[in-house]
Amino acid sequence: MDSCKNVGSTCSSQSRECPSSSSEMFSPKRKEGINRYIAVMSGKGGVGKSLITSLLAASLAKKGFGVGVLDADITGPSIPKMFGIKEKVFSAGSNLIPPETSRGIKVMSLNLLLENEEMPVIWRGPIIAKVIKQFWEDVLWGQLQYLLVDLPPGTADAAITVMQSIPLDGIIIVASPQDLAVMIVKKAINMAKDVNIPILGLVENMSYAVCQRCEQKLEFFGKSQAEKIADDMDINLLGKLPIDPRIAQLCDEGKIENYDNDSFEKVSEAVLSLVK
């Protein structure tokens, strides 16, 4: 990948390591017992990608599906905190056993291997890539209808590793309303298209807030860009989610599974209809 100078449709490299040489990509093997693989991706940090992953996992679990979450955001893992998982991963021979949430969601995250969750992970790309592969290859996920992969923000090594190593059935793109986010989220969409992974659709997070007095919608981060992005990039708009103070409280308490919102249930139903 270091030799690739023209990432994108103009890339002339035929290396199997080049993310834009989709015809030369590896064909990842599916694991027995896991039916569907869905990644959640964003072009930049701070737009709520891990939150969307957690909410989707919780929604699917409530519907009775077996769900796992692979936290591939190695340097900024937040999934265990949202679910309130304190139990550490333990080993069974050369394999790893992921802990489960109160609703039975299996979670694998680097924070579940650290003695102190506040310890920084100061690793370069190749090491991060190896850890992600280990989370995929060495974890005993068991029987799952859905394995969700929480990607790190951006389009660098970790995202490429997931796309080459895990047989993704689709990617959900998360964005926020700001104009700056529009440009960056299009990079993520184009990356997924370059490697021929289906894009299930776009979720716009923090799209608006609802006044508790007059029920008026307030667009704190500017006018929604969701319809424009979906139209420009020819992808589905799965939904627009409001700013909700309850989310921050439940995440801090490790009780994100208790969150219930009609707007997100529509997103969940849309994802289910597409992956089926």
Protein backbone atom coordinates (compact mmCIF):
# COMPACT_ATOMS: atom_id res chain seq x y z
CA MET A 1 0.00 0.00 0.00
CA ASP A 2 2.94 2.32 0.63
CA SER A 3 3.71 2.25 -3.09
CA CYS A 4 0.22 3.25 -4.17
CA LYS A 5 0.20 6.88 -5.30
CA ASN A 6 -3.25 7.07 -6.86
CA VAL A 7 -5.79 5.62 -4.46
CA GLY A 8 -9.19 5.64 -6.12
CA SER A 9 -10.45 4.92 -9.61
CA THR A 10 -7.20 6.14 -11.18
CA CYS A 11 -4.97 3.77 -9.19
CA SER A 12 -2.71 1.82 -11.52
CA SER A 13 -1.46 -0.63 -8.90
CA GLN A 14 -2.48 -4.26 -9.32
CA SER A 15 -1.23 -5.26 -5.87
CA ARG A 16 -3.61 -7.32 -3.73
CA GLU A 17 -2.73 -4.91 -0.94
CA CYS A 18 -4.12 -1.90 -2.80
CA PRO A 19 -7.62 -1.07 -1.47
CA SER A 20 -8.78 0.27 -4.82
CA SER A 21 -7.85 -2.85 -6.82
CA SER A 22 -11.18 -4.48 -6.04
CA SER A 23 -10.78 -7.18 -8.68
CA GLU A 24 -7.62 -8.31 -6.92
CA MET A 25 -8.98 -8.20 -3.40
CA PHE A 26 -8.88 -11.22 -1.14
CA SER A 27 -12.14 -13.10 -0.78
CA PRO A 28 -12.62 -13.33 3.00
CA LYS A 29 -14.06 -16.58 4.27
CA ARG A 30 -17.34 -16.56 6.16
CA LYS A 31 -17.35 -18.11 9.60
CA GLU A 32 -19.71 -20.96 10.26
CA GLY A 33 -22.49 -19.81 12.54
CA ILE A 34 -22.48 -16.12 11.54
CA ASN A 35 -25.17 -15.19 9.02
CA ARG A 36 -24.64 -11.50 8.28
CA TYR A 37 -21.72 -9.09 8.66
CA ILE A 38 -22.40 -5.35 8.82
CA ALA A 39 -19.83 -2.58 9.32
CA VAL A 40 -20.58 0.91 10.59
CA MET A 41 -18.32 3.60 9.17
CA SER A 42 -17.78 7.35 9.27
CA GLY A 43 -15.43 9.69 7.45
CA LYS A 44 -14.49 11.51 10.65
CA GLY A 45 -14.69 11.07 14.40
CA GLY A 46 -17.30 12.53 16.70
CA VAL A 47 -20.39 11.89 14.58
CA GLY A 48 -21.75 8.98 16.64
CA LYS A 49 -20.55 5.94 14.72
CA SER A 50 -20.04 3.80 17.84
CA LEU A 51 -23.39 5.00 19.17
CA ILE A 52 -25.18 3.87 16.01
CA THR A 53 -23.40 0.50 16.23
CA SER A 54 -24.51 0.07 19.84
CA LEU A 55 -28.10 1.15 19.19
CA LEU A 56 -28.39 -1.18 16.20
CA ALA A 57 -26.97 -4.08 18.22
CA ALA A 58 -29.44 -3.41 21.03
CA SER A 59 -32.37 -3.10 18.62
CA LEU A 60 -31.52 -6.38 16.89
CA ALA A 61 -31.09 -8.14 20.23
CA LYS A 62 -34.51 -6.91 21.36
CA LYS A 63 -35.98 -8.49 18.24
CA GLY A 64 -34.55 -11.84 19.30
CA PHE A 65 -31.52 -12.03 17.01
CA GLY A 66 -28.13 -13.29 18.11
CA VAL A 67 -25.79 -10.30 17.88
CA GLY A 68 -22.08 -9.66 18.27
CA VAL A 69 -20.06 -6.44 18.12
CA LEU A 70 -16.44 -6.38 16.99
CA ASP A 71 -14.95 -3.08 18.14
CA ALA A 72 -12.34 -2.36 15.47
CA ASP A 73 -11.77 1.17 16.75
CA ILE A 74 -8.60 -0.01 18.48
CA THR A 75 -7.23 3.36 19.61
CA GLY A 76 -10.60 4.74 20.70
CA PRO A 77 -12.76 1.85 21.90
CA SER A 78 -16.01 2.98 23.50
CA ILE A 79 -18.40 0.06 22.96
CA PRO A 80 -17.77 -1.68 26.35
CA LYS A 81 -18.41 1.58 28.22
CA MET A 82 -21.76 2.09 26.51
CA PHE A 83 -22.90 -1.42 27.41
CA GLY A 84 -21.48 -1.30 30.94
CA ILE A 85 -19.28 -4.36 30.41
CA LYS A 86 -16.73 -4.84 33.18
CA GLU A 87 -15.92 -8.50 32.58
CA LYS A 88 -12.63 -9.13 30.81
CA VAL A 89 -12.08 -11.42 27.86
CA PHE A 90 -10.75 -14.84 28.83
CA SER A 91 -9.00 -17.43 26.74
CA ALA A 92 -9.81 -21.02 25.87
CA GLY A 93 -6.60 -22.43 24.48
CA SER A 94 -5.68 -20.28 21.50
CA ASN A 95 -9.17 -18.77 21.28
CA LEU A 96 -10.81 -15.79 22.99
CA ILE A 97 -14.25 -15.84 24.64
CA PRO A 98 -16.08 -12.50 24.36
CA PRO A 99 -18.14 -11.28 27.33
CA GLU A 100 -21.84 -10.61 26.91
CA THR A 101 -24.11 -7.68 27.71
CA SER A 102 -27.26 -7.98 29.81
CA ARG A 103 -29.22 -8.84 26.63
CA GLY A 104 -26.69 -11.38 25.43
CA ILE A 105 -24.81 -9.24 22.89
CA LYS A 106 -21.27 -10.59 22.51
CA VAL A 107 -18.61 -7.87 22.52
CA MET A 108 -14.93 -7.96 21.62
CA SER A 109 -12.92 -4.81 22.27
CA LEU A 110 -9.36 -3.96 23.17
CA ASN A 111 -10.57 -2.22 26.33
CA LEU A 112 -11.67 -5.65 27.57
CA LEU A 113 -8.05 -6.79 27.44
CA LEU A 114 -6.46 -3.77 29.15
CA GLU A 115 -5.86 -3.66 32.90
CA ASN A 116 -6.96 -0.04 32.90
CA GLU A 117 -9.48 1.16 30.31
CA GLU A 118 -7.89 4.62 30.41
CA MET A 119 -4.52 3.34 29.18
CA PRO A 120 -3.65 4.83 25.75
CA VAL A 121 -3.02 2.53 22.83
CA ILE A 122 0.06 3.92 21.12
CA TRP A 123 0.40 1.54 18.19
CA ARG A 124 1.25 1.95 14.54
CA GLY A 125 -0.99 0.77 11.72
CA PRO A 126 0.48 -2.72 11.14
CA ILE A 127 0.04 -3.69 14.81
CA ILE A 128 -3.53 -2.38 14.83
CA ALA A 129 -4.25 -4.40 11.70
CA LYS A 130 -2.93 -7.59 13.35
CA VAL A 131 -5.12 -7.04 16.42
CA ILE A 132 -8.22 -6.57 14.27
CA LYS A 133 -7.45 -9.80 12.41
CA GLN A 134 -7.02 -11.59 15.75
CA PHE A 135 -10.40 -10.30 16.96
CA TRP A 136 -11.91 -11.80 13.81
CA GLU A 137 -9.99 -15.05 13.56
CA ASP A 138 -9.42 -16.07 17.19
CA VAL A 139 -12.67 -15.05 18.90
CA LEU A 140 -15.29 -17.75 19.42
CA TRP A 141 -18.37 -15.84 18.33
CA GLY A 142 -20.69 -18.85 18.29
CA GLN A 143 -24.07 -18.65 16.57
CA LEU A 144 -24.97 -15.12 15.45
CA GLN A 145 -27.50 -13.73 13.05
CA TYR A 146 -25.56 -10.45 12.92
CA LEU A 147 -21.97 -9.47 13.60
CA LEU A 148 -21.59 -5.68 13.67
CA VAL A 149 -18.14 -4.17 13.12
CA ASP A 150 -17.51 -0.72 14.59
CA LEU A 151 -14.86 0.77 12.30
CA PRO A 152 -12.48 3.53 13.36
CA PRO A 153 -13.14 6.89 11.68
CA GLY A 154 -11.50 7.57 8.35
CA THR A 155 -10.24 5.45 5.48
CA ALA A 156 -6.82 4.31 6.70
CA ASP A 157 -5.20 0.97 7.63
CA ALA A 158 -7.80 -0.32 10.08
CA ALA A 159 -10.73 0.19 7.72
CA ILE A 160 -8.81 -1.45 4.88
CA THR A 161 -7.96 -4.42 7.12
CA VAL A 162 -11.62 -5.00 8.00
CA MET A 163 -12.72 -4.76 4.38
CA GLN A 164 -10.07 -7.24 3.29
CA SER A 165 -10.41 -9.66 6.21
CA ILE A 166 -14.13 -9.83 7.01
CA PRO A 167 -16.78 -10.82 4.41
CA LEU A 168 -18.96 -7.75 4.87
CA ASP A 169 -22.52 -7.92 3.57
CA GLY A 170 -22.92 -4.18 3.81
CA ILE A 171 -21.76 -0.90 5.32
CA ILE A 172 -23.76 1.76 7.13
CA ILE A 173 -22.38 5.29 6.77
CA VAL A 174 -22.84 7.73 9.67
CA ALA A 175 -22.67 11.49 9.18
CA SER A 176 -23.62 14.73 10.90
CA PRO A 177 -25.26 17.82 9.33
CA GLN A 178 -22.21 20.12 9.08
CA ASP A 179 -20.98 21.11 5.61
CA LEU A 180 -17.45 19.92 6.51
CA ALA A 181 -18.78 16.46 7.33
CA VAL A 182 -20.40 16.23 3.90
CA MET A 183 -17.06 16.33 2.10
CA ILE A 184 -15.48 13.82 4.46
CA VAL A 185 -18.37 11.37 4.50
CA LYS A 186 -18.24 11.20 0.72
CA LYS A 187 -14.67 9.92 1.03
CA ALA A 188 -15.93 7.03 3.14
CA ILE A 189 -18.72 6.28 0.67
CA ASN A 190 -16.31 6.29 -2.25
CA MET A 191 -13.93 3.97 -0.40
CA ALA A 192 -16.70 1.42 0.14
CA LYS A 193 -17.66 1.66 -3.51
CA ASP A 194 -14.03 1.23 -4.61
CA VAL A 195 -13.79 -2.12 -2.82
CA ASN A 196 -17.24 -3.24 -4.01
CA ILE A 197 -18.87 -3.55 -0.58
CA PRO A 198 -22.61 -2.78 -0.68
CA ILE A 199 -23.61 0.43 1.08
CA LEU A 200 -26.82 -0.20 2.99
CA GLY A 201 -27.38 3.50 3.47
CA LEU A 202 -26.71 6.71 5.36
CA VAL A 203 -27.70 7.65 8.91
CA GLU A 204 -27.51 11.33 9.84
CA ASN A 205 -26.90 11.65 13.57
CA MET A 206 -27.52 14.80 15.64
CA SER A 207 -29.74 15.99 12.82
CA TYR A 208 -31.99 18.09 15.03
CA ALA A 209 -33.31 18.60 18.55
CA VAL A 210 -36.94 18.84 19.64
CA CYS A 211 -37.96 21.65 21.99
CA GLN A 212 -39.68 20.14 25.00
CA ARG A 213 -42.03 23.13 25.27
CA CYS A 214 -43.22 23.77 21.72
CA GLU A 215 -42.01 20.54 20.02
CA GLN A 216 -40.33 22.60 17.30
CA LYS A 217 -37.36 21.00 15.53
CA LEU A 218 -34.14 22.93 16.10
CA GLU A 219 -31.17 22.40 13.78
CA PHE A 220 -28.23 23.26 16.03
CA PHE A 221 -25.60 22.05 13.56
CA GLY A 222 -27.13 23.64 10.50
CA LYS A 223 -29.53 22.47 7.84
CA SER A 224 -29.64 18.74 7.25
CA GLN A 225 -27.41 17.49 4.43
CA ALA A 226 -28.70 13.91 4.48
CA GLU A 227 -30.97 14.05 1.44
CA LYS A 228 -28.32 15.82 -0.64
CA ILE A 229 -25.60 13.29 0.23
CA ALA A 230 -27.88 10.32 -0.44
CA ASP A 231 -28.97 11.79 -3.76
CA ASP A 232 -25.47 12.81 -4.87
CA MET A 233 -23.95 9.43 -3.98
CA ASP A 234 -26.97 7.33 -5.04
CA ILE A 235 -27.44 5.57 -1.71
CA ASN A 236 -30.36 5.00 0.67
CA LEU A 237 -31.17 7.44 3.44
CA LEU A 238 -31.88 5.17 6.40
CA GLY A 239 -32.91 7.92 8.77
CA LYS A 240 -32.14 11.15 10.62
CA LEU A 241 -31.70 10.91 14.39
CA PRO A 242 -32.30 13.69 16.92
CA ILE A 243 -30.03 15.00 19.64
CA ASP A 244 -31.33 13.32 22.79
CA PRO A 245 -29.91 14.09 26.27
CA ARG A 246 -31.01 10.62 27.42
CA ILE A 247 -28.39 9.04 25.18
CA ALA A 248 -25.48 10.71 26.96
CA GLN A 249 -26.86 9.67 30.35
CA LEU A 250 -27.42 6.05 29.33
CA CYS A 251 -23.97 5.80 27.72
CA ASP A 252 -22.34 7.14 30.89
CA GLU A 253 -24.30 4.63 32.96
CA GLY A 254 -23.52 1.74 30.61
CA LYS A 255 -27.21 1.23 29.87
CA ILE A 256 -27.48 2.01 26.17
CA GLU A 257 -29.55 -1.17 25.73
CA ASN A 258 -32.37 0.59 27.61
CA TYR A 259 -32.69 3.38 25.04
CA ASP A 260 -35.91 3.38 23.05
CA ASN A 261 -36.65 5.76 20.20
CA ASP A 262 -39.06 5.49 17.29
CA SER A 263 -36.67 7.28 14.92
CA PHE A 264 -33.98 4.68 15.46
CA GLU A 265 -36.39 1.76 15.22
CA LYS A 266 -37.16 2.93 11.69
CA VAL A 267 -33.43 2.80 10.94
CA SER A 268 -33.21 -0.70 12.38
CA GLU A 269 -36.16 -1.91 10.31
CA ALA A 270 -34.66 -0.38 7.18
CA VAL A 271 -31.36 -2.20 7.77
CA LEU A 272 -33.16 -5.51 8.34
CA SER A 273 -35.15 -5.16 5.13
CA LEU A 274 -31.97 -4.51 3.15
CA VAL A 275 -29.77 -7.28 4.55
CA LYS A 276 -32.50 -9.93 4.29
